[in-house]
Amino acid sequence: MSIITHRSMWIALVFALFLSACTDSIQINNDSDAVAESPVASLTVYKSRSCKCCQKWVNHIEEHGFDTDVSNVTLMSRIKDKYGVAPNYRSCHTALSPDGFVFEGHIPAKFIQQFLDNIPEGAIGLSVPAMPIGSPGMEVGDQFRPYLILQLNDDGSATTYAEVNTYEEQF
């Protein structure tokens, strides 16, 4: 037997022992009470190329675990019309989940995730109309104005989904 073959056998044996030790230490948890992590959510974000607050909001949702695909759009009204965002519920950017749910404006990431984890019946998405100071992407020093997160419904109506009364409630 050549030295190379002998050395290869030893390397293969050591590797096999290593794999055996690794797989012996893996424990499979079949406990029905175990909590699975939420899968990473992804959003397609439509925004104006020149909008700085939109990019700050994209950074916010990425920092909170969302994958994004950003498209710079010239006529945002076409996107909003296409996805059923009425003029009085609009803001500067629009995001879509892979399942077609719409997220309009400066919605904190935690509320988007909460919505996606438990989608209300008849909802098409969420909206934070206008651009409230202190919302994600709209930070101005320590200024903050309370705002509502609206649930957009498939009949064209909106209802209150959440009230954000302090800066800390957004995280």
N, C-alpha and C. Protein backbone atom coordinates (compact mmCIF):
# COMPACT_ATOMS: atom_id res chain seq x y z
N MET A 1 0.86 -1.17 0.00
CA MET A 1 0.00 0.00 0.00
C MET A 1 0.90 1.23 0.00
N SER A 2 0.61 2.20 -0.87
CA SER A 2 1.43 3.39 -0.94
C SER A 2 1.15 4.33 0.22
N ILE A 3 2.09 5.23 0.46
CA ILE A 3 1.93 6.20 1.55
C ILE A 3 0.73 7.09 1.31
N ILE A 4 0.46 7.47 0.07
CA ILE A 4 -0.67 8.34 -0.25
C ILE A 4 -1.98 7.62 0.04
N THR A 5 -2.09 6.36 -0.35
CA THR A 5 -3.30 5.60 -0.07
C THR A 5 -3.50 5.43 1.42
N HIS A 6 -2.40 5.11 2.14
CA HIS A 6 -2.46 4.94 3.59
C HIS A 6 -2.92 6.24 4.27
N ARG A 7 -2.33 7.38 3.85
CA ARG A 7 -2.70 8.69 4.41
C ARG A 7 -4.16 9.00 4.09
N SER A 8 -4.61 8.70 2.87
CA SER A 8 -6.00 8.94 2.48
C SER A 8 -6.96 8.15 3.33
N MET A 9 -6.58 6.90 3.66
CA MET A 9 -7.44 6.07 4.51
C MET A 9 -7.56 6.68 5.90
N TRP A 10 -6.43 7.16 6.44
CA TRP A 10 -6.46 7.78 7.78
C TRP A 10 -7.31 9.05 7.78
N ILE A 11 -7.18 9.85 6.77
CA ILE A 11 -7.98 11.08 6.66
C ILE A 11 -9.46 10.71 6.56
N ALA A 12 -9.79 9.71 5.77
CA ALA A 12 -11.19 9.28 5.64
C ALA A 12 -11.72 8.76 6.97
N LEU A 13 -10.89 7.99 7.71
CA LEU A 13 -11.30 7.46 9.01
C LEU A 13 -11.54 8.58 10.01
N VAL A 14 -10.62 9.54 10.07
CA VAL A 14 -10.77 10.68 10.99
C VAL A 14 -12.02 11.48 10.62
N PHE A 15 -12.24 11.71 9.36
CA PHE A 15 -13.42 12.45 8.91
C PHE A 15 -14.70 11.70 9.28
N ALA A 16 -14.71 10.38 9.08
CA ALA A 16 -15.89 9.57 9.42
C ALA A 16 -16.17 9.63 10.93
N LEU A 17 -15.10 9.55 11.75
CA LEU A 17 -15.27 9.65 13.21
C LEU A 17 -15.82 11.03 13.59
N PHE A 18 -15.31 12.08 12.93
CA PHE A 18 -15.78 13.44 13.20
C PHE A 18 -17.27 13.57 12.87
N LEU A 19 -17.67 13.07 11.70
CA LEU A 19 -19.08 13.14 11.32
C LEU A 19 -19.95 12.35 12.28
N SER A 20 -19.47 11.19 12.69
CA SER A 20 -20.22 10.37 13.64
C SER A 20 -20.41 11.11 14.95
N ALA A 21 -19.36 11.76 15.43
CA ALA A 21 -19.46 12.50 16.69
C ALA A 21 -20.42 13.67 16.55
N CYS A 22 -20.39 14.33 15.40
CA CYS A 22 -21.29 15.47 15.18
C CYS A 22 -22.74 15.03 15.13
N THR A 23 -23.02 13.97 14.39
CA THR A 23 -24.41 13.56 14.26
C THR A 23 -24.94 12.95 15.54
N ASP A 24 -24.05 12.36 16.37
CA ASP A 24 -24.49 11.81 17.65
C ASP A 24 -24.92 12.93 18.60
N SER A 25 -24.34 14.13 18.43
CA SER A 25 -24.67 15.22 19.35
C SER A 25 -25.89 16.02 18.91
N ILE A 26 -26.40 15.75 17.71
CA ILE A 26 -27.58 16.46 17.23
C ILE A 26 -28.81 15.84 17.87
N GLN A 27 -29.63 16.68 18.47
CA GLN A 27 -30.88 16.20 19.06
C GLN A 27 -32.03 16.77 18.26
N ILE A 28 -32.91 15.91 17.87
CA ILE A 28 -34.09 16.34 17.12
C ILE A 28 -35.20 16.55 18.12
N ASN A 29 -35.78 17.75 18.11
CA ASN A 29 -36.84 18.09 19.04
C ASN A 29 -38.18 17.87 18.37
N ASN A 30 -38.86 16.82 18.78
CA ASN A 30 -40.19 16.56 18.25
C ASN A 30 -41.27 17.05 19.19
N ASP A 31 -40.90 17.86 20.15
CA ASP A 31 -41.85 18.38 21.14
C ASP A 31 -42.84 19.29 20.43
N SER A 32 -44.12 19.00 20.56
CA SER A 32 -45.15 19.79 19.87
C SER A 32 -45.26 21.21 20.43
N ASP A 33 -44.67 21.43 21.62
CA ASP A 33 -44.70 22.77 22.20
C ASP A 33 -43.57 23.66 21.69
N ALA A 34 -42.67 23.11 20.91
CA ALA A 34 -41.53 23.89 20.42
C ALA A 34 -42.04 24.98 19.49
N VAL A 35 -41.44 26.15 19.58
CA VAL A 35 -41.84 27.28 18.76
C VAL A 35 -40.89 27.40 17.59
N ALA A 36 -41.43 27.39 16.40
CA ALA A 36 -40.61 27.54 15.19
C ALA A 36 -40.41 29.02 14.92
N GLU A 37 -39.23 29.34 14.41
CA GLU A 37 -38.97 30.73 14.04
C GLU A 37 -39.78 31.07 12.80
N SER A 38 -40.23 32.31 12.73
CA SER A 38 -40.95 32.76 11.55
C SER A 38 -39.99 32.79 10.37
N PRO A 39 -40.44 32.39 9.21
CA PRO A 39 -39.57 32.48 8.05
C PRO A 39 -39.30 33.95 7.73
N VAL A 40 -38.18 34.19 7.08
CA VAL A 40 -37.84 35.55 6.71
C VAL A 40 -38.88 36.04 5.70
N ALA A 41 -39.46 37.17 6.00
CA ALA A 41 -40.45 37.75 5.09
C ALA A 41 -39.71 38.60 4.05
N SER A 42 -40.30 38.66 2.88
CA SER A 42 -39.71 39.51 1.85
C SER A 42 -40.76 40.49 1.35
N LEU A 43 -40.29 41.64 0.95
CA LEU A 43 -41.17 42.68 0.43
C LEU A 43 -40.57 43.27 -0.83
N THR A 44 -41.42 43.55 -1.79
CA THR A 44 -41.02 44.35 -2.94
C THR A 44 -41.45 45.77 -2.63
N VAL A 45 -40.50 46.69 -2.65
CA VAL A 45 -40.77 48.07 -2.27
C VAL A 45 -40.69 48.95 -3.51
N TYR A 46 -41.75 49.73 -3.71
CA TYR A 46 -41.80 50.72 -4.79
C TYR A 46 -41.65 52.10 -4.18
N LYS A 47 -40.69 52.86 -4.69
CA LYS A 47 -40.43 54.19 -4.14
C LYS A 47 -39.84 55.09 -5.22
N SER A 48 -39.77 56.35 -4.89
CA SER A 48 -39.12 57.31 -5.77
C SER A 48 -37.61 57.23 -5.53
N ARG A 49 -36.84 57.32 -6.60
CA ARG A 49 -35.38 57.26 -6.49
C ARG A 49 -34.84 58.35 -5.56
N SER A 50 -35.45 59.51 -5.54
CA SER A 50 -34.92 60.64 -4.79
C SER A 50 -35.42 60.73 -3.35
N CYS A 51 -36.30 59.84 -2.94
CA CYS A 51 -36.90 59.95 -1.60
C CYS A 51 -35.98 59.35 -0.54
N LYS A 52 -35.43 60.20 0.30
CA LYS A 52 -34.51 59.76 1.37
C LYS A 52 -35.25 59.03 2.48
N CYS A 53 -36.47 59.49 2.84
CA CYS A 53 -37.18 58.83 3.93
C CYS A 53 -37.61 57.42 3.54
N CYS A 54 -37.89 57.20 2.28
CA CYS A 54 -38.24 55.85 1.81
C CYS A 54 -37.05 54.91 2.01
N GLN A 55 -35.86 55.38 1.66
CA GLN A 55 -34.68 54.53 1.82
C GLN A 55 -34.41 54.27 3.30
N LYS A 56 -34.65 55.27 4.15
CA LYS A 56 -34.48 55.04 5.59
C LYS A 56 -35.49 54.00 6.09
N TRP A 57 -36.70 54.00 5.57
CA TRP A 57 -37.69 52.99 5.95
C TRP A 57 -37.25 51.60 5.47
N VAL A 58 -36.73 51.51 4.24
CA VAL A 58 -36.21 50.24 3.73
C VAL A 58 -35.11 49.73 4.66
N ASN A 59 -34.21 50.60 5.08
CA ASN A 59 -33.16 50.21 6.02
C ASN A 59 -33.77 49.68 7.31
N HIS A 60 -34.82 50.33 7.81
CA HIS A 60 -35.50 49.91 9.04
C HIS A 60 -36.04 48.48 8.91
N ILE A 61 -36.75 48.20 7.83
CA ILE A 61 -37.33 46.86 7.72
C ILE A 61 -36.26 45.79 7.49
N GLU A 62 -35.20 46.15 6.78
CA GLU A 62 -34.10 45.19 6.60
C GLU A 62 -33.42 44.90 7.94
N GLU A 63 -33.23 45.93 8.76
CA GLU A 63 -32.62 45.75 10.08
C GLU A 63 -33.49 44.87 10.98
N HIS A 64 -34.78 44.77 10.66
CA HIS A 64 -35.70 43.96 11.44
C HIS A 64 -36.06 42.65 10.74
N GLY A 65 -35.18 42.17 9.86
CA GLY A 65 -35.30 40.83 9.33
C GLY A 65 -36.00 40.63 8.00
N PHE A 66 -36.41 41.70 7.35
CA PHE A 66 -37.07 41.55 6.05
C PHE A 66 -36.04 41.59 4.93
N ASP A 67 -36.26 40.75 3.92
CA ASP A 67 -35.52 40.86 2.66
C ASP A 67 -36.30 41.81 1.77
N THR A 68 -35.60 42.64 1.02
CA THR A 68 -36.30 43.59 0.15
C THR A 68 -35.78 43.52 -1.28
N ASP A 69 -36.68 43.85 -2.17
CA ASP A 69 -36.36 44.06 -3.58
C ASP A 69 -36.93 45.44 -3.88
N VAL A 70 -36.06 46.41 -4.07
CA VAL A 70 -36.49 47.81 -4.22
C VAL A 70 -36.54 48.19 -5.70
N SER A 71 -37.67 48.79 -6.09
CA SER A 71 -37.84 49.30 -7.45
C SER A 71 -38.12 50.80 -7.37
N ASN A 72 -37.31 51.56 -8.07
CA ASN A 72 -37.54 53.00 -8.16
C ASN A 72 -38.53 53.27 -9.27
N VAL A 73 -39.59 54.00 -8.93
CA VAL A 73 -40.71 54.22 -9.84
C VAL A 73 -40.92 55.72 -10.03
N THR A 74 -41.25 56.11 -11.24
CA THR A 74 -41.51 57.53 -11.53
C THR A 74 -42.93 57.92 -11.15
N LEU A 75 -43.92 57.13 -11.52
CA LEU A 75 -45.32 57.46 -11.23
C LEU A 75 -45.87 56.51 -10.16
N MET A 76 -45.70 56.88 -8.90
CA MET A 76 -46.13 56.04 -7.79
C MET A 76 -47.64 55.84 -7.77
N SER A 77 -48.39 56.81 -8.29
CA SER A 77 -49.86 56.69 -8.26
C SER A 77 -50.33 55.45 -9.03
N ARG A 78 -49.60 55.06 -10.07
CA ARG A 78 -49.98 53.86 -10.82
C ARG A 78 -49.87 52.60 -9.95
N ILE A 79 -48.83 52.54 -9.15
CA ILE A 79 -48.64 51.39 -8.24
C ILE A 79 -49.76 51.37 -7.21
N LYS A 80 -50.04 52.52 -6.63
CA LYS A 80 -51.07 52.61 -5.59
C LYS A 80 -52.46 52.27 -6.16
N ASP A 81 -52.74 52.75 -7.36
CA ASP A 81 -54.00 52.41 -8.02
C ASP A 81 -54.09 50.90 -8.27
N LYS A 82 -53.02 50.34 -8.77
CA LYS A 82 -52.99 48.93 -9.12
C LYS A 82 -53.28 48.03 -7.90
N TYR A 83 -52.79 48.42 -6.72
CA TYR A 83 -52.94 47.58 -5.54
C TYR A 83 -54.03 48.05 -4.59
N GLY A 84 -54.87 48.97 -5.04
CA GLY A 84 -56.07 49.33 -4.28
C GLY A 84 -55.86 50.25 -3.10
N VAL A 85 -54.82 51.09 -3.14
CA VAL A 85 -54.60 52.04 -2.05
C VAL A 85 -55.30 53.35 -2.42
N ALA A 86 -56.42 53.62 -1.73
CA ALA A 86 -57.20 54.83 -2.00
C ALA A 86 -56.37 56.08 -1.68
N PRO A 87 -56.64 57.20 -2.35
CA PRO A 87 -55.86 58.41 -2.14
C PRO A 87 -55.74 58.85 -0.68
N ASN A 88 -56.78 58.71 0.12
CA ASN A 88 -56.70 59.17 1.51
C ASN A 88 -55.88 58.24 2.41
N TYR A 89 -55.40 57.10 1.90
CA TYR A 89 -54.58 56.17 2.68
C TYR A 89 -53.14 56.11 2.17
N ARG A 90 -52.78 57.01 1.27
CA ARG A 90 -51.47 56.94 0.62
C ARG A 90 -50.37 57.65 1.40
N SER A 91 -49.16 57.22 1.08
CA SER A 91 -47.95 57.82 1.62
C SER A 91 -46.93 57.85 0.48
N CYS A 92 -45.65 57.87 0.81
CA CYS A 92 -44.65 58.04 -0.24
C CYS A 92 -44.17 56.74 -0.87
N HIS A 93 -44.26 55.60 -0.20
CA HIS A 93 -43.81 54.35 -0.80
C HIS A 93 -44.83 53.25 -0.55
N THR A 94 -44.75 52.20 -1.35
CA THR A 94 -45.67 51.07 -1.27
C THR A 94 -44.84 49.80 -1.31
N ALA A 95 -45.15 48.86 -0.40
CA ALA A 95 -44.46 47.57 -0.38
C ALA A 95 -45.49 46.46 -0.55
N LEU A 96 -45.06 45.37 -1.16
CA LEU A 96 -45.93 44.21 -1.39
C LEU A 96 -45.26 42.95 -0.88
N SER A 97 -46.06 42.12 -0.23
CA SER A 97 -45.57 40.80 0.17
C SER A 97 -45.70 39.86 -1.03
N PRO A 98 -45.02 38.72 -1.01
CA PRO A 98 -45.16 37.77 -2.12
C PRO A 98 -46.61 37.30 -2.32
N ASP A 99 -47.42 37.34 -1.26
CA ASP A 99 -48.82 36.93 -1.36
C ASP A 99 -49.74 38.06 -1.81
N GLY A 100 -49.17 39.24 -2.10
CA GLY A 100 -49.96 40.35 -2.63
C GLY A 100 -50.53 41.30 -1.59
N PHE A 101 -50.12 41.19 -0.33
CA PHE A 101 -50.58 42.15 0.68
C PHE A 101 -49.78 43.44 0.53
N VAL A 102 -50.47 44.55 0.69
CA VAL A 102 -49.87 45.86 0.47
C VAL A 102 -49.56 46.54 1.81
N PHE A 103 -48.41 47.20 1.86
CA PHE A 103 -47.99 47.94 3.05
C PHE A 103 -47.59 49.34 2.60
N GLU A 104 -48.44 50.29 2.94
CA GLU A 104 -48.32 51.65 2.45
C GLU A 104 -47.72 52.56 3.52
N GLY A 105 -46.59 53.18 3.20
CA GLY A 105 -46.03 54.19 4.09
C GLY A 105 -45.13 53.65 5.17
N HIS A 106 -44.94 54.47 6.19
CA HIS A 106 -43.93 54.25 7.22
C HIS A 106 -44.41 53.34 8.35
N ILE A 107 -44.80 52.13 8.01
CA ILE A 107 -45.28 51.15 8.98
C ILE A 107 -44.07 50.51 9.66
N PRO A 108 -44.06 50.46 10.99
CA PRO A 108 -42.97 49.76 11.67
C PRO A 108 -42.94 48.28 11.29
N ALA A 109 -41.74 47.74 11.16
CA ALA A 109 -41.55 46.34 10.76
C ALA A 109 -42.31 45.38 11.66
N LYS A 110 -42.36 45.66 12.95
CA LYS A 110 -43.01 44.70 13.86
C LYS A 110 -44.50 44.54 13.54
N PHE A 111 -45.15 45.60 13.06
CA PHE A 111 -46.57 45.51 12.73
C PHE A 111 -46.78 44.78 11.40
N ILE A 112 -45.84 44.92 10.48
CA ILE A 112 -45.93 44.17 9.23
C ILE A 112 -45.80 42.67 9.53
N GLN A 113 -44.82 42.33 10.37
CA GLN A 113 -44.63 40.92 10.72
C GLN A 113 -45.84 40.37 11.46
N GLN A 114 -46.38 41.17 12.38
CA GLN A 114 -47.57 40.76 13.13
C GLN A 114 -48.74 40.49 12.18
N PHE A 115 -48.93 41.37 11.21
CA PHE A 115 -49.98 41.20 10.21
C PHE A 115 -49.77 39.92 9.41
N LEU A 116 -48.54 39.70 8.93
CA LEU A 116 -48.26 38.53 8.10
C LEU A 116 -48.38 37.22 8.89
N ASP A 117 -48.13 37.29 10.19
CA ASP A 117 -48.25 36.09 11.03
C ASP A 117 -49.70 35.73 11.33
N ASN A 118 -50.59 36.72 11.23
CA ASN A 118 -52.00 36.49 11.56
C ASN A 118 -52.85 37.43 10.71
N ILE A 119 -53.04 37.09 9.47
CA ILE A 119 -53.72 37.98 8.51
C ILE A 119 -55.20 38.06 8.83
N PRO A 120 -55.68 39.28 9.09
CA PRO A 120 -57.11 39.45 9.37
C PRO A 120 -57.97 39.15 8.14
N GLU A 121 -59.11 38.56 8.37
CA GLU A 121 -60.03 38.24 7.28
C GLU A 121 -60.47 39.53 6.59
N GLY A 122 -60.46 39.52 5.28
CA GLY A 122 -60.91 40.66 4.49
C GLY A 122 -59.88 41.77 4.33
N ALA A 123 -58.68 41.59 4.88
CA ALA A 123 -57.66 42.63 4.80
C ALA A 123 -56.83 42.48 3.53
N ILE A 124 -56.45 43.63 2.95
CA ILE A 124 -55.53 43.60 1.82
C ILE A 124 -54.16 44.15 2.23
N GLY A 125 -54.06 44.72 3.45
CA GLY A 125 -52.79 45.24 3.91
C GLY A 125 -52.94 46.27 4.99
N LEU A 126 -51.87 47.04 5.18
CA LEU A 126 -51.81 48.08 6.20
C LEU A 126 -51.35 49.40 5.58
N SER A 127 -51.69 50.50 6.27
CA SER A 127 -51.28 51.82 5.80
C SER A 127 -51.00 52.75 6.97
N VAL A 128 -49.96 53.55 6.82
CA VAL A 128 -49.75 54.72 7.67
C VAL A 128 -49.81 55.90 6.71
N PRO A 129 -51.00 56.52 6.60
CA PRO A 129 -51.14 57.63 5.65
C PRO A 129 -50.22 58.80 6.00
N ALA A 130 -49.88 59.55 4.97
CA ALA A 130 -49.02 60.72 5.09
C ALA A 130 -47.64 60.27 5.55
N MET A 131 -46.98 61.06 6.36
CA MET A 131 -45.61 60.76 6.78
C MET A 131 -45.42 61.27 8.22
N PRO A 132 -45.93 60.53 9.21
CA PRO A 132 -45.87 61.02 10.59
C PRO A 132 -44.44 61.17 11.11
N ILE A 133 -44.17 62.29 11.72
CA ILE A 133 -42.85 62.55 12.29
C ILE A 133 -42.58 61.56 13.41
N GLY A 134 -41.41 60.93 13.34
CA GLY A 134 -41.00 59.97 14.36
C GLY A 134 -41.27 58.53 13.97
N SER A 135 -42.06 58.31 12.89
CA SER A 135 -42.28 56.94 12.41
C SER A 135 -40.98 56.46 11.73
N PRO A 136 -40.79 55.14 11.55
CA PRO A 136 -39.56 54.66 10.93
C PRO A 136 -39.31 55.30 9.56
N GLY A 137 -38.14 55.91 9.45
CA GLY A 137 -37.77 56.63 8.24
C GLY A 137 -38.07 58.11 8.30
N MET A 138 -38.89 58.51 9.26
CA MET A 138 -39.27 59.93 9.41
C MET A 138 -38.75 60.52 10.72
N GLU A 139 -37.64 59.98 11.21
CA GLU A 139 -37.08 60.47 12.46
C GLU A 139 -36.53 61.89 12.27
N VAL A 140 -36.90 62.76 13.21
CA VAL A 140 -36.42 64.14 13.22
C VAL A 140 -36.02 64.44 14.67
N GLY A 141 -34.74 64.22 14.97
CA GLY A 141 -34.29 64.41 16.34
C GLY A 141 -35.09 63.54 17.29
N ASP A 142 -35.56 64.15 18.38
CA ASP A 142 -36.37 63.38 19.34
C ASP A 142 -37.86 63.68 19.19
N GLN A 143 -38.25 64.26 18.05
CA GLN A 143 -39.66 64.59 17.83
C GLN A 143 -40.46 63.32 17.51
N PHE A 144 -41.68 63.28 18.00
CA PHE A 144 -42.57 62.16 17.72
C PHE A 144 -44.01 62.62 17.82
N ARG A 145 -44.81 62.22 16.85
CA ARG A 145 -46.25 62.48 16.88
C ARG A 145 -46.98 61.15 16.80
N PRO A 146 -47.88 60.86 17.73
CA PRO A 146 -48.65 59.60 17.68
C PRO A 146 -49.38 59.47 16.34
N TYR A 147 -49.56 58.23 15.91
CA TYR A 147 -50.23 57.98 14.63
C TYR A 147 -50.96 56.64 14.68
N LEU A 148 -51.82 56.45 13.68
CA LEU A 148 -52.57 55.21 13.54
C LEU A 148 -52.00 54.38 12.40
N ILE A 149 -52.05 53.07 12.59
CA ILE A 149 -51.79 52.13 11.50
C ILE A 149 -53.15 51.60 11.10
N LEU A 150 -53.51 51.80 9.85
CA LEU A 150 -54.82 51.40 9.36
C LEU A 150 -54.76 50.05 8.66
N GLN A 151 -55.79 49.27 8.86
CA GLN A 151 -55.96 48.02 8.10
C GLN A 151 -56.79 48.35 6.88
N LEU A 152 -56.24 48.09 5.71
CA LEU A 152 -56.96 48.30 4.46
C LEU A 152 -57.76 47.03 4.16
N ASN A 153 -59.04 47.21 3.89
CA ASN A 153 -59.94 46.08 3.68
C ASN A 153 -60.31 45.93 2.21
N ASP A 154 -60.69 44.70 1.83
CA ASP A 154 -60.98 44.43 0.43
C ASP A 154 -62.23 45.14 -0.09
N ASP A 155 -63.06 45.71 0.81
CA ASP A 155 -64.24 46.46 0.37
C ASP A 155 -63.93 47.96 0.20
N GLY A 156 -62.64 48.33 0.33
CA GLY A 156 -62.23 49.73 0.16
C GLY A 156 -62.23 50.53 1.45
N SER A 157 -62.71 49.96 2.54
CA SER A 157 -62.73 50.66 3.82
C SER A 157 -61.39 50.47 4.55
N ALA A 158 -61.24 51.20 5.63
CA ALA A 158 -60.08 51.05 6.50
C ALA A 158 -60.55 51.08 7.95
N THR A 159 -59.89 50.29 8.77
CA THR A 159 -60.16 50.28 10.20
C THR A 159 -58.83 50.43 10.94
N THR A 160 -58.90 50.82 12.19
CA THR A 160 -57.67 50.97 12.97
C THR A 160 -57.10 49.60 13.28
N TYR A 161 -55.86 49.38 12.89
CA TYR A 161 -55.15 48.13 13.18
C TYR A 161 -54.36 48.28 14.48
N ALA A 162 -53.71 49.45 14.64
CA ALA A 162 -52.92 49.72 15.85
C ALA A 162 -52.77 51.22 16.03
N GLU A 163 -52.59 51.62 17.28
CA GLU A 163 -52.26 53.00 17.62
C GLU A 163 -50.83 53.01 18.12
N VAL A 164 -50.04 53.93 17.62
CA VAL A 164 -48.66 54.08 18.06
C VAL A 164 -48.59 55.42 18.77
N ASN A 165 -48.49 55.36 20.09
CA ASN A 165 -48.53 56.58 20.90
C ASN A 165 -47.17 57.05 21.38
N THR A 166 -46.17 56.18 21.34
CA THR A 166 -44.82 56.57 21.73
C THR A 166 -43.82 56.01 20.74
N TYR A 167 -42.66 56.62 20.69
CA TYR A 167 -41.60 56.17 19.79
C TYR A 167 -41.24 54.71 20.09
N GLU A 168 -41.17 54.34 21.35
CA GLU A 168 -40.76 53.00 21.76
C GLU A 168 -41.73 51.91 21.32
N GLU A 169 -42.99 52.24 21.15
CA GLU A 169 -44.00 51.24 20.74
C GLU A 169 -43.78 50.72 19.32
N GLN A 170 -42.89 51.34 18.58
CA GLN A 170 -42.64 50.94 17.20
C GLN A 170 -41.69 49.75 17.10
N PHE A 171 -41.04 49.40 18.22
CA PHE A 171 -39.98 48.38 18.15
C PHE A 171 -40.25 47.20 19.04
